[in-house]
Amino acid sequence: MRLDHFLVRLLPDQSRSALGRVIRAGHILVNNSQVKPGYRLKSGDDIWVALPAPEESRLVAEPIDFAVLYEDESLLVISKPPGLVVHPAAGHASGTLVNGLLHKFGDLPGLDNNRPGIVHRLDKDTSGIMLVARTEKVQRLLSEAFKNRQVHKTYHALLLRRPPDMKGRVVAPIGRHPVNRKKMAIRNSSGRYAATSWHVLESFANGLCFTEIIIETGRTHQIRVHMSSLGAPVAGDVLYGGRVGNNAGVQVDRQLLHASTISFVHPETGRQHTITAPLWPDMAGVLEQLRKGFNLAG
């Protein structure tokens, strides 16, 4: 067994990534020698562990508005507002969801990498449901569940144009755009496997449509890239061709993509949870306007 895998079992409150950093820093030795996290253990190996005191986080707790949909001692389910960055990064040192989580709930696991409790992300302008871990053990187990595709997410989007079919599935690998580093793209030779299913729920006379979308993988910008590849970009998604013109009859100020429902097995209790976040008010308002002024039968 790998050393880092063995230690995760021995120290369930520590994440594998955190233990990897400790191993690489020389705080964990095997047979009195420094090794890599992937070192393969053998019978009789002597493992010496001295976990350093946790570093004081540079993150600042800030009051940030977001809705809490579910809470227990192990995890949270929240609804992220549009326009809110999930965790600090270049250009966003504060004012993020993470700053708000620290303000509302105090210490969370993973402070050493500026992503306490975070096991998955939503784009800045995407609204909706997110899972947040409250312990190292649950953060590790939820991260594994996402990696093994055991967490199921349903999105709703207003698309600028209707896809060629009312329902379907896109399977196309996604990787970094070769020229524009802010974008992702379908990269058949170098991208990572990605699959997205869609079902058009309502169509409108100005060309927009309301669509339910299910992702089988969680690649960066996956829905935005896949739907744009069908000629049906998310309305308001300027980066991927979704700019809404003045003749559309509705005002769209951001990409109208919402993470609606998440379904998962609680890592501590084993119970199945399915939780839904209502459409964000701005998106619900555009949808209502479309229904009143641009409705199509069928």
Protein backbone atom coordinates (compact mmCIF):
# COMPACT_ATOMS: atom_id res chain seq x y z
CA MET A 1 0.00 0.00 0.00
CA ARG A 2 1.12 3.57 -0.67
CA LEU A 3 2.32 5.46 2.40
CA ASP A 4 -0.21 8.30 1.99
CA HIS A 5 -3.09 5.82 1.55
CA PHE A 6 -2.01 3.93 4.68
CA LEU A 7 -1.79 7.13 6.75
CA VAL A 8 -5.24 8.32 5.65
CA ARG A 9 -6.65 5.11 7.15
CA LEU A 10 -4.57 5.55 10.29
CA LEU A 11 -5.39 9.28 10.63
CA PRO A 12 -8.95 9.70 9.25
CA ASP A 13 -9.13 13.35 10.32
CA GLN A 14 -6.33 14.23 7.88
CA SER A 15 -6.81 14.55 4.12
CA ARG A 16 -4.47 12.71 1.73
CA SER A 17 -3.35 15.98 0.13
CA ALA A 18 -2.48 17.44 3.54
CA LEU A 19 -0.58 14.31 4.52
CA GLY A 20 1.25 14.42 1.19
CA ARG A 21 2.51 17.91 1.98
CA VAL A 22 3.63 16.77 5.44
CA ILE A 23 5.46 13.77 3.95
CA ARG A 24 7.22 15.94 1.37
CA ALA A 25 8.23 18.38 4.12
CA GLY A 26 10.05 15.56 5.96
CA HIS A 27 7.74 15.35 8.99
CA ILE A 28 6.96 11.69 8.23
CA LEU A 29 9.85 9.24 7.81
CA VAL A 30 10.05 5.57 6.86
CA ASN A 31 12.98 3.63 8.33
CA ASN A 32 14.43 6.99 9.41
CA SER A 33 14.54 8.22 5.79
CA GLN A 34 12.50 10.79 3.88
CA VAL A 35 10.34 9.21 1.17
CA LYS A 36 7.66 10.30 -1.28
CA PRO A 37 3.91 10.04 -0.56
CA GLY A 38 3.67 7.21 -3.11
CA TYR A 39 6.31 5.07 -1.36
CA ARG A 40 5.15 1.44 -1.31
CA LEU A 41 5.19 0.11 2.25
CA LYS A 42 6.70 -3.29 3.06
CA SER A 43 6.21 -5.57 6.02
CA GLY A 44 8.43 -4.41 8.88
CA ASP A 45 8.74 -0.77 7.74
CA ASP A 46 9.07 1.65 10.66
CA ILE A 47 6.98 4.81 10.20
CA TRP A 48 7.74 7.92 12.26
CA VAL A 49 5.08 10.64 12.29
CA ALA A 50 5.37 14.14 13.76
CA LEU A 51 2.45 16.24 12.55
CA PRO A 52 3.37 19.95 12.68
CA ALA A 53 1.08 22.43 14.37
CA PRO A 54 -1.40 23.82 11.83
CA GLU A 55 -0.35 27.10 10.24
CA GLU A 56 -2.39 30.13 11.12
CA SER A 57 -4.70 30.86 8.22
CA ARG A 58 -4.42 34.18 6.41
CA LEU A 59 -8.09 33.98 5.48
CA VAL A 60 -10.29 36.66 7.00
CA ALA A 61 -13.82 35.91 8.13
CA GLU A 62 -16.26 38.27 6.41
CA PRO A 63 -20.06 38.56 6.48
CA ILE A 64 -21.22 37.16 3.11
CA ASP A 65 -24.86 36.52 2.29
CA PHE A 66 -25.83 32.98 1.26
CA ALA A 67 -28.64 30.57 2.12
CA VAL A 68 -28.07 27.45 4.24
CA LEU A 69 -30.36 24.65 3.02
CA TYR A 70 -29.12 21.87 5.34
CA GLU A 71 -26.73 21.72 8.28
CA ASP A 72 -25.38 19.10 10.65
CA GLU A 73 -22.08 18.52 12.47
CA SER A 74 -20.47 16.93 9.40
CA LEU A 75 -21.51 19.01 6.42
CA LEU A 76 -23.50 21.91 5.01
CA VAL A 77 -25.60 22.35 1.90
CA ILE A 78 -25.78 25.99 0.78
CA SER A 79 -27.13 27.99 -2.14
CA LYS A 80 -24.46 30.23 -3.67
CA PRO A 81 -25.55 33.62 -5.05
CA PRO A 82 -24.48 34.56 -8.59
CA GLY A 83 -21.46 36.84 -8.73
CA LEU A 84 -19.81 35.21 -5.70
CA VAL A 85 -16.37 33.58 -6.13
CA VAL A 86 -16.08 30.30 -4.21
CA HIS A 87 -12.56 30.63 -2.77
CA PRO A 88 -9.70 33.17 -2.77
CA ALA A 89 -7.52 33.22 -5.87
CA ALA A 90 -5.62 35.73 -7.97
CA GLY A 91 -7.72 38.88 -8.14
CA HIS A 92 -10.11 37.70 -5.40
CA ALA A 93 -8.24 37.76 -2.09
CA SER A 94 -11.41 38.39 -0.10
CA GLY A 95 -15.18 38.66 -0.44
CA THR A 96 -15.53 34.98 -1.37
CA LEU A 97 -17.84 32.21 -0.21
CA VAL A 98 -14.99 30.80 1.88
CA ASN A 99 -14.66 34.10 3.78
CA GLY A 100 -18.39 33.95 4.46
CA LEU A 101 -18.27 30.32 5.59
CA LEU A 102 -15.54 31.17 8.13
CA HIS A 103 -17.62 34.09 9.42
CA LYS A 104 -20.74 31.99 9.87
CA PHE A 105 -19.30 28.64 10.96
CA GLY A 106 -15.77 29.26 12.25
CA ASP A 107 -13.01 26.73 11.61
CA LEU A 108 -13.40 24.39 8.66
CA PRO A 109 -11.03 21.71 7.31
CA GLY A 110 -8.48 22.61 4.66
CA LEU A 111 -7.51 26.07 5.90
CA ASP A 112 -3.94 25.38 4.80
CA ASN A 113 -4.87 25.58 1.11
CA ASN A 114 -7.34 28.50 1.30
CA ARG A 115 -10.28 26.22 0.47
CA PRO A 116 -11.76 25.25 3.84
CA GLY A 117 -14.60 22.76 3.48
CA ILE A 118 -14.70 23.06 -0.32
CA VAL A 119 -15.16 19.75 -2.17
CA HIS A 120 -16.49 21.14 -5.48
CA ARG A 121 -16.99 24.52 -7.12
CA LEU A 122 -19.42 26.60 -9.11
CA ASP A 123 -18.34 29.33 -11.52
CA LYS A 124 -18.57 32.88 -10.20
CA ASP A 125 -21.75 33.73 -12.14
CA THR A 126 -23.43 30.34 -11.69
CA SER A 127 -25.90 30.22 -8.80
CA GLY A 128 -27.11 27.32 -6.75
CA ILE A 129 -26.43 24.36 -4.58
CA MET A 130 -23.08 23.38 -3.06
CA LEU A 131 -21.85 20.82 -0.53
CA VAL A 132 -19.40 21.97 2.16
CA ALA A 133 -17.52 19.65 4.54
CA ARG A 134 -17.10 20.50 8.23
CA THR A 135 -14.45 17.90 9.14
CA GLU A 136 -11.27 16.62 7.48
CA LYS A 137 -12.75 13.11 7.30
CA VAL A 138 -15.94 14.22 5.58
CA GLN A 139 -14.01 16.52 3.22
CA ARG A 140 -11.92 13.53 2.13
CA LEU A 141 -14.93 11.19 1.78
CA LEU A 142 -17.00 13.72 -0.17
CA SER A 143 -14.06 14.48 -2.46
CA GLU A 144 -13.76 10.74 -3.16
CA ALA A 145 -17.52 10.50 -3.80
CA PHE A 146 -17.28 13.29 -6.38
CA LYS A 147 -14.26 11.64 -7.99
CA ASN A 148 -16.13 8.31 -8.20
CA ARG A 149 -19.25 10.02 -9.63
CA GLN A 150 -21.40 9.08 -6.64
CA VAL A 151 -22.74 12.62 -6.22
CA HIS A 152 -25.46 13.54 -8.72
CA LYS A 153 -26.21 17.13 -9.75
CA THR A 154 -29.00 18.61 -11.82
CA TYR A 155 -28.80 22.08 -13.34
CA HIS A 156 -31.29 24.36 -15.07
CA ALA A 157 -30.28 26.84 -17.74
CA LEU A 158 -31.80 29.35 -20.09
CA LEU A 159 -30.10 28.79 -23.44
CA LEU A 160 -29.75 31.43 -26.15
CA ARG A 161 -30.95 28.97 -28.80
CA ARG A 162 -32.59 25.57 -28.72
CA PRO A 163 -30.27 22.58 -29.32
CA PRO A 164 -30.84 20.49 -32.46
CA ASP A 165 -32.90 17.96 -30.48
CA MET A 166 -35.27 18.33 -27.53
CA LYS A 167 -33.12 15.96 -25.49
CA GLY A 168 -29.75 14.32 -25.93
CA ARG A 169 -26.28 13.65 -24.56
CA VAL A 170 -22.90 15.19 -25.37
CA VAL A 171 -19.77 13.14 -24.81
CA ALA A 172 -16.72 15.24 -25.69
CA PRO A 173 -13.39 15.68 -23.84
CA ILE A 174 -12.69 19.09 -22.33
CA GLY A 175 -9.35 20.81 -21.83
CA ARG A 176 -7.81 24.27 -21.67
CA HIS A 177 -8.37 26.41 -24.79
CA PRO A 178 -5.17 26.48 -26.87
CA VAL A 179 -5.20 30.29 -27.27
CA ASN A 180 -7.52 31.89 -24.68
CA ARG A 181 -6.37 30.64 -21.28
CA LYS A 182 -9.56 31.90 -19.63
CA LYS A 183 -11.61 29.44 -21.67
CA MET A 184 -12.02 25.70 -21.87
CA ALA A 185 -12.69 23.88 -25.12
CA ILE A 186 -13.43 20.47 -26.60
CA ARG A 187 -9.98 18.90 -27.04
CA ASN A 188 -10.28 15.50 -28.66
CA SER A 189 -6.61 14.62 -28.27
CA SER A 190 -5.72 16.15 -24.91
CA GLY A 191 -8.99 16.80 -23.05
CA ARG A 192 -10.51 14.86 -20.15
CA TYR A 193 -13.62 12.73 -20.60
CA ALA A 194 -16.83 14.72 -20.06
CA ALA A 195 -20.50 13.82 -20.52
CA THR A 196 -23.57 16.08 -20.32
CA SER A 197 -27.26 15.29 -20.88
CA TRP A 198 -29.96 17.88 -21.64
CA HIS A 199 -33.73 18.03 -21.90
CA VAL A 200 -35.52 21.11 -23.25
CA LEU A 201 -38.47 21.87 -20.95
CA GLU A 202 -39.84 25.04 -22.57
CA SER A 203 -39.20 26.97 -25.80
CA PHE A 204 -39.91 30.66 -26.38
CA ALA A 205 -40.69 32.75 -29.44
CA ASN A 206 -37.52 34.84 -29.14
CA GLY A 207 -35.40 31.69 -29.52
CA LEU A 208 -34.47 31.12 -25.88
CA CYS A 209 -35.29 27.84 -24.15
CA PHE A 210 -35.44 26.57 -20.56
CA THR A 211 -33.47 23.36 -20.17
CA GLU A 212 -32.71 20.73 -17.52
CA ILE A 213 -29.09 19.58 -17.63
CA ILE A 214 -27.42 16.65 -15.87
CA ILE A 215 -23.66 16.30 -15.76
CA GLU A 216 -22.00 12.92 -15.39
CA THR A 217 -18.57 14.48 -14.86
CA GLY A 218 -17.46 17.75 -13.31
CA ARG A 219 -15.04 19.43 -15.68
CA THR A 220 -14.36 23.17 -15.53
CA HIS A 221 -17.00 25.09 -17.56
CA GLN A 222 -18.43 21.74 -18.71
CA ILE A 223 -22.05 22.76 -19.30
CA ARG A 224 -21.01 26.06 -20.88
CA VAL A 225 -18.59 24.36 -23.31
CA HIS A 226 -20.84 21.43 -24.23
CA MET A 227 -23.99 23.49 -24.82
CA SER A 228 -22.05 26.07 -26.81
CA SER A 229 -20.70 23.26 -28.99
CA LEU A 230 -24.33 22.48 -29.90
CA GLY A 231 -24.93 26.08 -31.00
CA ALA A 232 -26.99 26.61 -27.83
CA PRO A 233 -24.81 28.58 -25.39
CA VAL A 234 -26.07 29.55 -21.95
CA ALA A 235 -27.90 32.87 -22.23
CA GLY A 236 -25.71 35.67 -20.89
CA ASP A 237 -22.50 33.63 -21.14
CA VAL A 238 -20.47 36.12 -23.15
CA LEU A 239 -17.28 34.02 -22.95
CA TYR A 240 -18.90 31.17 -24.91
CA GLY A 241 -21.09 33.09 -27.34
CA GLY A 242 -24.21 33.55 -25.24
CA ARG A 243 -24.59 37.33 -25.39
CA VAL A 244 -28.31 38.23 -25.41
CA GLY A 245 -29.12 40.94 -27.95
CA ASN A 246 -31.39 43.92 -27.39
CA ASN A 247 -34.02 42.39 -29.67
CA ALA A 248 -34.54 39.43 -27.31
CA GLY A 249 -36.98 41.43 -25.20
CA VAL A 250 -35.40 40.42 -21.86
CA GLN A 251 -32.48 41.82 -19.90
CA VAL A 252 -29.84 39.27 -18.94
CA ASP A 253 -27.00 40.40 -16.69
CA ARG A 254 -25.13 37.13 -16.14
CA GLN A 255 -24.97 33.56 -17.41
CA LEU A 256 -28.36 32.06 -16.53
CA LEU A 257 -27.12 28.74 -15.18
CA HIS A 258 -28.31 27.38 -11.82
CA ALA A 259 -27.29 24.27 -9.86
CA SER A 260 -30.73 23.11 -8.76
CA THR A 261 -30.46 19.72 -7.06
CA ILE A 262 -27.79 17.58 -5.45
CA SER A 263 -28.19 13.95 -4.43
CA PHE A 264 -25.61 12.18 -2.25
CA VAL A 265 -25.11 9.56 0.44
CA HIS A 266 -24.17 11.16 3.76
CA PRO A 267 -20.62 9.93 4.50
CA GLU A 268 -21.27 9.62 8.24
CA THR A 269 -24.86 8.34 8.46
CA GLY A 270 -25.17 6.47 5.17
CA ARG A 271 -28.52 8.15 4.51
CA GLN A 272 -29.48 9.30 1.01
CA HIS A 273 -30.08 13.05 0.72
CA THR A 274 -31.64 14.93 -2.19
CA ILE A 275 -31.76 18.71 -1.70
CA THR A 276 -33.01 21.40 -4.08
CA ALA A 277 -32.17 25.10 -4.29
CA PRO A 278 -34.90 27.26 -5.90
CA LEU A 279 -33.95 29.26 -8.99
CA TRP A 280 -32.19 32.49 -8.07
CA PRO A 281 -34.65 35.43 -8.22
CA ASP A 282 -33.01 37.11 -11.24
CA MET A 283 -33.21 33.94 -13.31
CA ALA A 284 -36.72 33.15 -12.09
CA GLY A 285 -37.74 36.69 -13.11
CA VAL A 286 -36.39 36.30 -16.65
CA LEU A 287 -38.13 32.94 -16.97
CA GLU A 288 -41.45 34.42 -15.83
CA GLN A 289 -41.06 37.28 -18.31
CA LEU A 290 -40.43 34.78 -21.10
CA ARG A 291 -43.51 32.78 -20.14
CA LYS A 292 -45.71 35.85 -20.23
CA GLY A 293 -44.43 37.44 -23.41
CA PHE A 294 -42.81 34.76 -25.56
CA ASN A 295 -44.58 31.51 -24.78
CA LEU A 296 -44.87 28.83 -27.48
CA ALA A 297 -47.23 25.88 -27.38
CA GLY A 298 -45.56 22.46 -27.25
